[in-house]
């Protein structure tokens, strides 16, 4: 499974989300390839992804995708990320 974490401009914030998504997956006992991307390059980065992790502000910039878009309010809240990932990937 591939998960892409995005942020607005660079990869700083998405890198934080990536690390916390990996922690959330470990708590759930799940494995996935988690990568970080900026919103401008999300179409390329997520072309084969099953899940895109995004803040509410960036959802409109994702465009057409077959991936599930999971909106994360707090990139530092591993519990929130785990709960939402569990719902998205079962």
N, C-alpha and C. Protein backbone atom coordinates (compact mmCIF):
# COMPACT_ATOMS: atom_id res chain seq x y z
N UNK A 1 0.83 -1.16 0.00
CA UNK A 1 0.00 0.00 0.00
C UNK A 1 0.88 1.23 0.00
N UNK A 2 0.43 2.26 -0.71
CA UNK A 2 1.18 3.51 -0.78
C UNK A 2 0.31 4.64 -0.23
N UNK A 3 0.92 5.44 0.65
CA UNK A 3 0.27 6.61 1.24
C UNK A 3 1.14 7.82 0.95
N UNK A 4 0.52 8.92 0.53
CA UNK A 4 1.25 10.16 0.27
C UNK A 4 0.75 11.23 1.23
N UNK A 5 1.67 11.84 1.95
CA UNK A 5 1.37 12.95 2.85
C UNK A 5 1.74 14.24 2.13
N UNK A 6 0.81 15.19 2.09
CA UNK A 6 1.12 16.43 1.36
C UNK A 6 1.07 17.65 2.26
N UNK A 7 1.81 18.68 1.83
CA UNK A 7 1.74 19.99 2.45
C UNK A 7 1.70 21.02 1.32
N UNK A 8 1.61 22.28 1.67
CA UNK A 8 1.38 23.32 0.68
C UNK A 8 2.55 23.65 -0.21
N UNK A 9 3.72 23.87 0.34
CA UNK A 9 4.81 24.39 -0.47
C UNK A 9 5.97 23.41 -0.60
N UNK A 10 6.57 23.08 0.49
CA UNK A 10 7.75 22.22 0.43
C UNK A 10 7.45 20.85 0.97
N UNK A 11 8.41 20.27 1.64
CA UNK A 11 8.19 18.94 2.22
C UNK A 11 8.38 18.94 3.73
N UNK A 12 8.55 20.10 4.34
CA UNK A 12 8.75 20.16 5.79
C UNK A 12 7.56 19.64 6.56
N UNK A 13 6.40 20.22 6.33
CA UNK A 13 5.20 19.80 7.05
C UNK A 13 4.77 18.40 6.63
N UNK A 14 4.91 18.09 5.35
CA UNK A 14 4.52 16.75 4.91
C UNK A 14 5.46 15.70 5.49
N UNK A 15 6.71 16.05 5.75
CA UNK A 15 7.64 15.12 6.38
C UNK A 15 7.20 14.80 7.81
N UNK A 16 6.69 15.81 8.52
CA UNK A 16 6.16 15.60 9.86
C UNK A 16 4.96 14.66 9.80
N UNK A 17 4.06 14.92 8.85
CA UNK A 17 2.89 14.06 8.69
C UNK A 17 3.29 12.65 8.30
N UNK A 18 4.30 12.52 7.46
CA UNK A 18 4.80 11.20 7.04
C UNK A 18 5.27 10.40 8.25
N UNK A 19 6.10 11.01 9.08
CA UNK A 19 6.64 10.33 10.27
C UNK A 19 5.51 9.93 11.22
N UNK A 20 4.55 10.82 11.42
CA UNK A 20 3.46 10.50 12.32
C UNK A 20 2.50 9.48 11.72
N UNK A 21 2.37 9.45 10.42
CA UNK A 21 1.56 8.41 9.76
C UNK A 21 2.24 7.05 9.94
N UNK A 22 3.57 7.02 9.83
CA UNK A 22 4.30 5.76 10.05
C UNK A 22 4.12 5.28 11.50
N UNK A 23 4.12 6.21 12.44
CA UNK A 23 3.89 5.85 13.85
C UNK A 23 2.47 5.30 14.03
N UNK A 24 1.51 5.95 13.38
CA UNK A 24 0.12 5.51 13.48
C UNK A 24 -0.05 4.11 12.88
N UNK A 25 0.58 3.88 11.75
CA UNK A 25 0.51 2.56 11.10
C UNK A 25 1.12 1.49 12.00
N UNK A 26 2.23 1.82 12.65
CA UNK A 26 2.88 0.86 13.55
C UNK A 26 1.94 0.51 14.71
N UNK A 27 1.24 1.50 15.24
CA UNK A 27 0.28 1.25 16.32
C UNK A 27 -0.83 0.31 15.85
N UNK A 28 -1.21 0.46 14.59
CA UNK A 28 -2.29 -0.35 14.04
C UNK A 28 -1.81 -1.71 13.56
N UNK A 29 -0.50 -1.91 13.54
CA UNK A 29 0.05 -3.16 13.05
C UNK A 29 -0.04 -3.28 11.54
N UNK A 30 -0.02 -2.16 10.84
CA UNK A 30 -0.12 -2.13 9.37
C UNK A 30 1.16 -1.63 8.76
N UNK A 31 1.42 -2.06 7.54
CA UNK A 31 2.60 -1.61 6.81
C UNK A 31 2.18 -0.88 5.55
N UNK A 32 2.91 0.17 5.22
CA UNK A 32 2.65 0.92 4.00
C UNK A 32 3.90 1.71 3.65
N UNK A 33 4.02 2.03 2.38
CA UNK A 33 5.08 2.92 1.91
C UNK A 33 4.53 4.33 2.00
N UNK A 34 5.05 5.12 2.93
CA UNK A 34 4.56 6.49 3.14
C UNK A 34 5.60 7.45 2.58
N UNK A 35 5.15 8.34 1.69
CA UNK A 35 6.04 9.34 1.11
C UNK A 35 5.48 10.73 1.37
N UNK A 36 6.33 11.73 1.20
CA UNK A 36 5.94 13.13 1.40
C UNK A 36 6.03 13.87 0.07
N UNK A 37 5.10 14.81 -0.13
CA UNK A 37 5.07 15.59 -1.36
C UNK A 37 4.46 16.95 -1.09
N UNK A 38 4.71 17.88 -1.99
CA UNK A 38 4.00 19.15 -1.91
C UNK A 38 2.74 19.06 -2.76
N UNK A 39 1.82 19.98 -2.56
CA UNK A 39 0.54 19.93 -3.25
C UNK A 39 0.69 20.07 -4.77
N UNK A 40 1.67 20.82 -5.20
CA UNK A 40 1.86 21.03 -6.64
C UNK A 40 2.24 19.74 -7.37
N UNK A 41 2.89 18.83 -6.69
CA UNK A 41 3.35 17.59 -7.31
C UNK A 41 2.55 16.36 -6.89
N UNK A 42 1.43 16.56 -6.24
CA UNK A 42 0.67 15.43 -5.70
C UNK A 42 0.15 14.51 -6.79
N UNK A 43 -0.19 15.00 -7.95
CA UNK A 43 -0.70 14.14 -9.02
C UNK A 43 0.33 13.10 -9.43
N UNK A 44 1.58 13.50 -9.51
CA UNK A 44 2.65 12.56 -9.87
C UNK A 44 2.97 11.65 -8.68
N UNK A 45 3.12 12.25 -7.51
CA UNK A 45 3.51 11.48 -6.32
C UNK A 45 2.45 10.46 -5.93
N UNK A 46 1.19 10.77 -6.19
CA UNK A 46 0.10 9.91 -5.72
C UNK A 46 -0.58 9.13 -6.85
N UNK A 47 0.06 9.04 -8.01
CA UNK A 47 -0.61 8.37 -9.13
C UNK A 47 -0.94 6.91 -8.84
N UNK A 48 -0.16 6.25 -7.99
CA UNK A 48 -0.44 4.86 -7.63
C UNK A 48 -0.70 4.68 -6.13
N UNK A 49 -1.05 5.78 -5.47
CA UNK A 49 -1.31 5.73 -4.02
C UNK A 49 -2.74 5.30 -3.74
N UNK A 50 -2.92 4.66 -2.60
CA UNK A 50 -4.25 4.29 -2.16
C UNK A 50 -4.84 5.35 -1.24
N UNK A 51 -3.96 6.11 -0.56
CA UNK A 51 -4.41 7.12 0.39
C UNK A 51 -3.56 8.38 0.23
N UNK A 52 -4.22 9.53 0.31
CA UNK A 52 -3.54 10.82 0.36
C UNK A 52 -3.92 11.47 1.68
N UNK A 53 -2.92 11.85 2.47
CA UNK A 53 -3.16 12.56 3.72
C UNK A 53 -2.98 14.04 3.46
N UNK A 54 -3.97 14.85 3.87
CA UNK A 54 -3.95 16.27 3.55
C UNK A 54 -4.57 17.08 4.67
N UNK A 55 -4.22 18.36 4.72
CA UNK A 55 -4.92 19.28 5.61
C UNK A 55 -6.19 19.73 4.89
N UNK A 56 -7.16 20.26 5.62
CA UNK A 56 -8.41 20.69 4.99
C UNK A 56 -8.19 21.74 3.89
N UNK A 57 -7.21 22.61 4.08
CA UNK A 57 -6.96 23.69 3.14
C UNK A 57 -6.45 23.20 1.78
N UNK A 58 -5.86 22.03 1.74
CA UNK A 58 -5.23 21.55 0.51
C UNK A 58 -6.08 20.59 -0.30
N UNK A 59 -7.20 20.16 0.22
CA UNK A 59 -8.03 19.17 -0.47
C UNK A 59 -8.39 19.62 -1.87
N UNK A 60 -8.75 20.89 -2.04
CA UNK A 60 -9.16 21.39 -3.35
C UNK A 60 -8.01 21.41 -4.36
N UNK A 61 -6.78 21.35 -3.89
CA UNK A 61 -5.62 21.37 -4.78
C UNK A 61 -5.18 19.98 -5.23
N UNK A 62 -5.80 18.94 -4.70
CA UNK A 62 -5.38 17.58 -5.04
C UNK A 62 -5.80 17.20 -6.45
N UNK A 63 -6.97 17.58 -6.86
CA UNK A 63 -7.43 17.23 -8.20
C UNK A 63 -8.01 15.83 -8.25
N UNK A 64 -8.18 15.34 -9.48
CA UNK A 64 -8.79 14.03 -9.68
C UNK A 64 -7.81 12.93 -9.25
N UNK A 65 -8.34 11.99 -8.46
CA UNK A 65 -7.51 10.89 -7.98
C UNK A 65 -8.40 9.70 -7.64
N UNK A 66 -7.83 8.52 -7.71
CA UNK A 66 -8.52 7.32 -7.29
C UNK A 66 -8.21 6.99 -5.82
N UNK A 67 -7.29 7.72 -5.22
CA UNK A 67 -6.90 7.49 -3.83
C UNK A 67 -7.97 8.03 -2.88
N UNK A 68 -8.05 7.42 -1.71
CA UNK A 68 -8.89 7.98 -0.65
C UNK A 68 -8.17 9.19 -0.08
N UNK A 69 -8.89 10.28 0.05
CA UNK A 69 -8.32 11.49 0.64
C UNK A 69 -8.72 11.53 2.11
N UNK A 70 -7.72 11.55 2.97
CA UNK A 70 -7.95 11.57 4.41
C UNK A 70 -7.50 12.93 4.92
N UNK A 71 -8.45 13.67 5.48
CA UNK A 71 -8.17 15.02 5.98
C UNK A 71 -7.71 14.93 7.42
N UNK A 72 -6.53 15.48 7.67
CA UNK A 72 -5.94 15.48 9.00
C UNK A 72 -5.93 16.91 9.53
N UNK A 73 -6.57 17.11 10.66
CA UNK A 73 -6.64 18.44 11.27
C UNK A 73 -5.33 18.81 11.97
N UNK A 74 -4.73 17.86 12.69
CA UNK A 74 -3.53 18.12 13.48
C UNK A 74 -2.45 17.12 13.08
N UNK A 75 -1.46 17.57 12.35
CA UNK A 75 -0.40 16.70 11.85
C UNK A 75 0.43 16.05 12.96
N UNK A 76 0.31 16.59 14.17
CA UNK A 76 1.08 16.06 15.31
C UNK A 76 0.28 15.07 16.15
N UNK A 77 -1.00 14.91 15.87
CA UNK A 77 -1.88 14.04 16.66
C UNK A 77 -1.89 12.63 16.07
N UNK A 78 -1.02 11.77 16.60
CA UNK A 78 -0.89 10.41 16.08
C UNK A 78 -2.19 9.62 16.29
N UNK A 79 -2.91 9.92 17.36
CA UNK A 79 -4.20 9.24 17.59
C UNK A 79 -5.20 9.58 16.50
N UNK A 80 -5.29 10.84 16.13
CA UNK A 80 -6.20 11.25 15.05
C UNK A 80 -5.81 10.57 13.74
N UNK A 81 -4.52 10.58 13.44
CA UNK A 81 -4.04 9.97 12.20
C UNK A 81 -4.35 8.47 12.19
N UNK A 82 -4.10 7.79 13.30
CA UNK A 82 -4.36 6.35 13.39
C UNK A 82 -5.85 6.06 13.20
N UNK A 83 -6.69 6.83 13.85
CA UNK A 83 -8.14 6.62 13.74
C UNK A 83 -8.61 6.80 12.29
N UNK A 84 -8.14 7.85 11.65
CA UNK A 84 -8.59 8.13 10.29
C UNK A 84 -8.00 7.15 9.27
N UNK A 85 -6.75 6.73 9.49
CA UNK A 85 -6.18 5.72 8.60
C UNK A 85 -6.90 4.39 8.75
N UNK A 86 -7.24 4.02 9.97
CA UNK A 86 -7.95 2.76 10.19
C UNK A 86 -9.29 2.77 9.46
N UNK A 87 -9.98 3.89 9.49
CA UNK A 87 -11.26 4.00 8.78
C UNK A 87 -11.05 3.91 7.27
N UNK A 88 -9.98 4.52 6.79
CA UNK A 88 -9.74 4.57 5.34
C UNK A 88 -9.28 3.24 4.78
N UNK A 89 -8.44 2.52 5.53
CA UNK A 89 -7.87 1.29 4.96
C UNK A 89 -8.35 0.03 5.66
N UNK A 90 -9.19 0.21 6.68
CA UNK A 90 -9.81 -0.94 7.34
C UNK A 90 -8.85 -1.78 8.07
